[in-house]
Amino acid sequence: MLKYTYYGHACFLLNDGRYKVLADPFLTGNPQAAVKPEDVACDFILVTHAHGDHLGDTAAIAKRTGATIVAIPEINAICEEQAPGVKCHGMNLGGSVKLPFGKVRMTLALHSSGVPGGVACGFVIQMGGLTVYFAGDTALFHDMKLIGRKDALDYALLPIGDNYTMGLEDAALAAQWLNVRNVIPLHYNTWPVIEQDVERYKALTEESTKAAVHIVKPGETMELR
């Protein structure tokens, strides 16, 4: 069993009943935030890049909970400066690591990094018997076909907000290239500049791919199957 809880923007929690994995915990200052940083419990925190709407409350949450931050070394250095003593595991593109809940592989993302010398990334997460691809902030790129070929993806968590990331059409094509069974859209409607019609995205994607699109609102939990 694997549960997905959406906290708004690009922040979510995966819970297999034993371990909790938090991603991109931008909660303070997030108009969509469904939880306060001090109320989040987690064992690991995955961070895709250092922009404020993704790095967010990472250091504070890790310091309070004892969670391990999984990110590129440049992001870990920021967190260690903000909260000395936090636990970090450094990775880079193409690398993978076995963790108590399963396995994480760091994938390419086409986006600015938010930190000098850094890179943006996505993650393929193997947890609870499922394989979940979290694209992070990214443009559409052809190597998404390789991500879907390397792992049989059960779910893809894709940004659809446009302007800073893929928009509706590109995110629909991404679902096709990934050859994924299910898609959950992220990173939209937080601010006017990324407002999108998520129902239109669902229709576009389901008409052109084999994927089912699941619209999860901030604060809602979905059991992944």
Protein backbone atom coordinates (compact mmCIF):
# COMPACT_ATOMS: atom_id res chain seq x y z
CA MET A 1 0.00 0.00 0.00
CA LEU A 2 1.27 3.43 -0.90
CA LYS A 3 -0.55 6.66 -0.10
CA TYR A 4 0.00 9.98 -1.83
CA THR A 5 -0.92 13.19 0.00
CA TYR A 6 -0.77 16.47 -1.91
CA TYR A 7 0.25 19.51 0.13
CA GLY A 8 0.01 22.02 -2.73
CA HIS A 9 2.19 23.36 -5.57
CA ALA A 10 4.86 20.62 -6.00
CA CYS A 11 4.90 19.33 -2.43
CA PHE A 12 3.62 15.86 -1.60
CA LEU A 13 4.12 12.98 0.82
CA LEU A 14 4.43 9.27 0.00
CA ASN A 15 3.59 6.93 2.87
CA ASP A 16 3.98 3.14 2.68
CA GLY A 17 2.72 2.63 6.23
CA ARG A 18 6.22 2.51 7.67
CA TYR A 19 8.23 5.25 5.98
CA LYS A 20 7.21 8.74 4.88
CA VAL A 21 8.93 10.49 2.00
CA LEU A 22 8.32 14.22 1.56
CA ALA A 23 9.14 16.09 -1.66
CA ASP A 24 9.85 19.77 -2.37
CA PRO A 25 8.37 21.10 0.89
CA PHE A 26 7.46 24.68 -0.02
CA LEU A 27 4.86 25.37 2.67
CA THR A 28 5.70 28.72 4.28
CA GLY A 29 4.43 31.38 1.89
CA ASN A 30 2.62 28.83 -0.29
CA PRO A 31 -0.96 30.01 -0.87
CA GLN A 32 -2.00 26.43 -1.61
CA ALA A 33 -0.33 24.87 1.43
CA ALA A 34 -2.59 22.32 3.10
CA VAL A 35 -0.34 21.84 6.14
CA LYS A 36 2.07 23.87 8.24
CA PRO A 37 5.76 22.94 8.20
CA GLU A 38 5.72 22.22 11.93
CA ASP A 39 2.95 19.64 11.43
CA VAL A 40 4.72 17.53 8.80
CA ALA A 41 6.22 14.17 9.80
CA CYS A 42 8.68 12.45 7.46
CA ASP A 43 11.74 10.21 7.30
CA PHE A 44 13.25 11.45 4.02
CA ILE A 45 12.98 14.68 2.03
CA LEU A 46 13.61 14.71 -1.73
CA VAL A 47 14.50 18.10 -3.22
CA THR A 48 14.56 18.65 -6.98
CA HIS A 49 16.21 22.08 -7.06
CA ALA A 50 16.92 25.15 -4.96
CA HIS A 51 14.26 27.61 -6.09
CA GLY A 52 12.34 28.87 -3.07
CA ASP A 53 9.08 27.26 -4.17
CA HIS A 54 10.74 23.82 -3.96
CA LEU A 55 13.55 23.98 -1.40
CA GLY A 56 11.14 25.85 0.87
CA ASP A 57 11.11 24.55 4.45
CA THR A 58 13.45 21.61 3.84
CA ALA A 59 16.11 22.51 6.39
CA ALA A 60 13.67 23.36 9.18
CA ILE A 61 11.63 20.20 8.68
CA ALA A 62 14.74 18.01 8.53
CA LYS A 63 16.11 19.60 11.69
CA ARG A 64 12.87 19.04 13.61
CA THR A 65 12.09 15.52 12.39
CA GLY A 66 15.56 14.09 11.89
CA ALA A 67 14.69 13.29 8.28
CA THR A 68 17.45 12.72 5.76
CA ILE A 69 17.60 15.20 2.87
CA VAL A 70 18.26 13.60 -0.52
CA ALA A 71 19.50 16.16 -3.03
CA ILE A 72 22.48 17.33 -5.06
CA PRO A 73 25.48 18.37 -2.92
CA GLU A 74 24.95 22.09 -3.55
CA ILE A 75 21.45 21.91 -2.06
CA ASN A 76 22.68 19.86 0.88
CA ALA A 77 25.27 22.57 1.56
CA ILE A 78 22.52 25.20 1.74
CA CYS A 79 20.54 23.07 4.19
CA GLU A 80 23.60 22.37 6.35
CA GLU A 81 24.25 26.10 6.52
CA GLN A 82 20.63 26.87 7.44
CA ALA A 83 20.36 24.07 10.00
CA PRO A 84 23.76 22.72 11.11
CA GLY A 85 23.68 19.02 11.89
CA VAL A 86 20.90 18.00 9.51
CA LYS A 87 21.30 14.60 7.86
CA CYS A 88 21.96 14.68 4.11
CA HIS A 89 22.58 12.20 1.34
CA GLY A 90 24.16 13.69 -1.76
CA MET A 91 23.36 12.42 -5.26
CA ASN A 92 23.69 13.53 -8.84
CA LEU A 93 22.06 12.88 -12.19
CA GLY A 94 21.93 9.21 -13.17
CA GLY A 95 22.80 7.97 -9.70
CA SER A 96 20.62 5.71 -7.59
CA VAL A 97 20.57 4.77 -3.93
CA LYS A 98 18.88 2.05 -1.90
CA LEU A 99 17.03 3.43 1.10
CA PRO A 100 15.02 1.66 3.82
CA PHE A 101 11.74 2.10 1.92
CA GLY A 102 13.11 1.06 -1.51
CA LYS A 103 15.19 2.85 -4.11
CA VAL A 104 15.58 6.35 -5.57
CA ARG A 105 17.15 7.28 -8.89
CA MET A 106 17.97 10.89 -9.77
CA THR A 107 16.95 11.84 -13.30
CA LEU A 108 17.54 14.71 -15.67
CA ALA A 109 15.25 17.77 -15.61
CA LEU A 110 15.53 20.73 -17.98
CA HIS A 111 15.22 23.72 -15.68
CA SER A 112 17.40 26.25 -13.88
CA SER A 113 18.83 25.04 -10.57
CA GLY A 114 18.45 27.94 -8.15
CA VAL A 115 21.98 27.47 -6.79
CA PRO A 116 25.36 28.21 -8.41
CA GLY A 117 26.98 25.05 -9.71
CA GLY A 118 23.85 23.00 -9.20
CA VAL A 119 21.46 21.20 -11.51
CA ALA A 120 17.73 20.59 -11.41
CA CYS A 121 16.58 16.99 -11.27
CA GLY A 122 13.67 14.60 -11.03
CA PHE A 123 13.37 11.32 -9.13
CA VAL A 124 12.23 7.79 -9.91
CA ILE A 125 11.02 6.43 -6.59
CA GLN A 126 10.49 2.71 -5.96
CA MET A 127 8.34 2.39 -2.86
CA GLY A 128 5.47 0.23 -1.68
CA GLY A 129 5.73 -2.07 -4.67
CA LEU A 130 5.21 0.81 -7.13
CA THR A 131 7.43 2.97 -9.30
CA VAL A 132 6.68 6.71 -9.17
CA TYR A 133 8.38 9.31 -11.37
CA PHE A 134 8.47 12.84 -9.95
CA ALA A 135 9.58 15.08 -12.80
CA GLY A 136 10.24 18.17 -10.71
CA ASP A 137 10.20 21.43 -12.64
CA THR A 138 11.06 20.67 -16.24
CA ALA A 139 10.50 21.33 -19.90
CA LEU A 140 9.52 18.48 -22.15
CA PHE A 141 12.63 16.59 -23.27
CA HIS A 142 13.07 13.62 -25.56
CA ASP A 143 14.94 11.51 -23.00
CA MET A 144 11.68 11.08 -21.09
CA LYS A 145 11.29 8.13 -23.45
CA LEU A 146 14.40 6.61 -21.85
CA ILE A 147 13.04 7.17 -18.34
CA GLY A 148 9.90 5.25 -19.29
CA ARG A 149 11.92 2.54 -21.02
CA LYS A 150 14.31 1.97 -18.10
CA ASP A 151 11.50 1.60 -15.53
CA ALA A 152 7.89 0.50 -15.95
CA LEU A 153 6.29 3.58 -14.42
CA ASP A 154 3.09 3.21 -12.43
CA TYR A 155 2.66 6.95 -11.77
CA ALA A 156 4.15 10.16 -13.13
CA LEU A 157 3.86 13.40 -11.17
CA LEU A 158 4.14 16.09 -13.83
CA PRO A 159 4.13 19.92 -13.75
CA ILE A 160 1.50 21.46 -16.03
CA GLY A 161 1.57 25.15 -15.10
CA ASP A 162 3.41 26.46 -18.20
CA ASN A 163 5.54 29.65 -18.08
CA TYR A 164 8.17 28.06 -15.78
CA THR A 165 7.62 24.42 -16.81
CA MET A 166 5.72 22.29 -19.31
CA GLY A 167 2.22 23.41 -20.16
CA LEU A 168 -0.80 21.24 -20.89
CA GLU A 169 0.14 19.99 -24.35
CA ASP A 170 3.76 19.25 -23.52
CA ALA A 171 2.80 17.51 -20.28
CA ALA A 172 0.32 15.35 -22.20
CA LEU A 173 3.09 14.41 -24.64
CA ALA A 174 5.37 13.68 -21.69
CA ALA A 175 2.83 11.14 -20.39
CA GLN A 176 2.87 9.48 -23.82
CA TRP A 177 6.66 9.35 -24.01
CA LEU A 178 6.93 8.02 -20.46
CA ASN A 179 4.49 5.21 -21.31
CA VAL A 180 3.04 5.61 -17.82
CA ARG A 181 -0.17 4.09 -16.44
CA ASN A 182 -1.24 7.03 -14.26
CA VAL A 183 -0.52 10.75 -14.08
CA ILE A 184 -1.02 13.22 -11.24
CA PRO A 185 -0.60 16.88 -12.29
CA LEU A 186 1.34 19.32 -10.09
CA HIS A 187 2.71 22.85 -10.11
CA TYR A 188 -0.36 24.76 -11.33
CA ASN A 189 -2.81 27.38 -10.00
CA THR A 190 -0.53 28.48 -7.17
CA TRP A 191 -0.31 31.97 -8.71
CA PRO A 192 -2.02 33.61 -11.71
CA VAL A 193 1.05 33.11 -13.93
CA ILE A 194 0.63 29.30 -13.75
CA GLU A 195 -3.16 29.06 -13.76
CA GLN A 196 -4.34 26.13 -15.86
CA ASP A 197 -7.53 24.20 -16.66
CA VAL A 198 -6.63 20.86 -15.11
CA GLU A 199 -9.77 19.21 -16.52
CA ARG A 200 -8.56 20.13 -20.01
CA TYR A 201 -5.22 18.54 -19.21
CA LYS A 202 -6.99 15.38 -18.10
CA ALA A 203 -8.97 15.24 -21.34
CA LEU A 204 -5.93 15.92 -23.54
CA THR A 205 -3.85 13.25 -21.83
CA GLU A 206 -6.49 10.56 -21.66
CA GLU A 207 -7.38 11.09 -25.33
CA SER A 208 -3.78 10.74 -26.50
CA THR A 209 -2.22 8.21 -24.09
CA LYS A 210 -3.01 5.07 -22.13
CA ALA A 211 -2.66 7.02 -18.86
CA ALA A 212 -5.43 7.81 -16.41
CA VAL A 213 -5.14 11.32 -14.97
CA HIS A 214 -5.95 11.74 -11.29
CA ILE A 215 -6.69 15.26 -10.08
CA VAL A 216 -5.72 15.51 -6.40
CA LYS A 217 -6.51 18.75 -4.59
CA PRO A 218 -4.27 20.21 -1.85
CA GLY A 219 -4.93 18.36 1.39
CA GLU A 220 -6.33 15.27 -0.30
CA THR A 221 -4.87 11.75 -0.02
CA MET A 222 -5.02 9.10 -2.72
CA GLU A 223 -4.12 5.43 -2.43
CA LEU A 224 -1.80 4.49 -5.29
CA ARG A 225 -2.38 1.09 -6.89
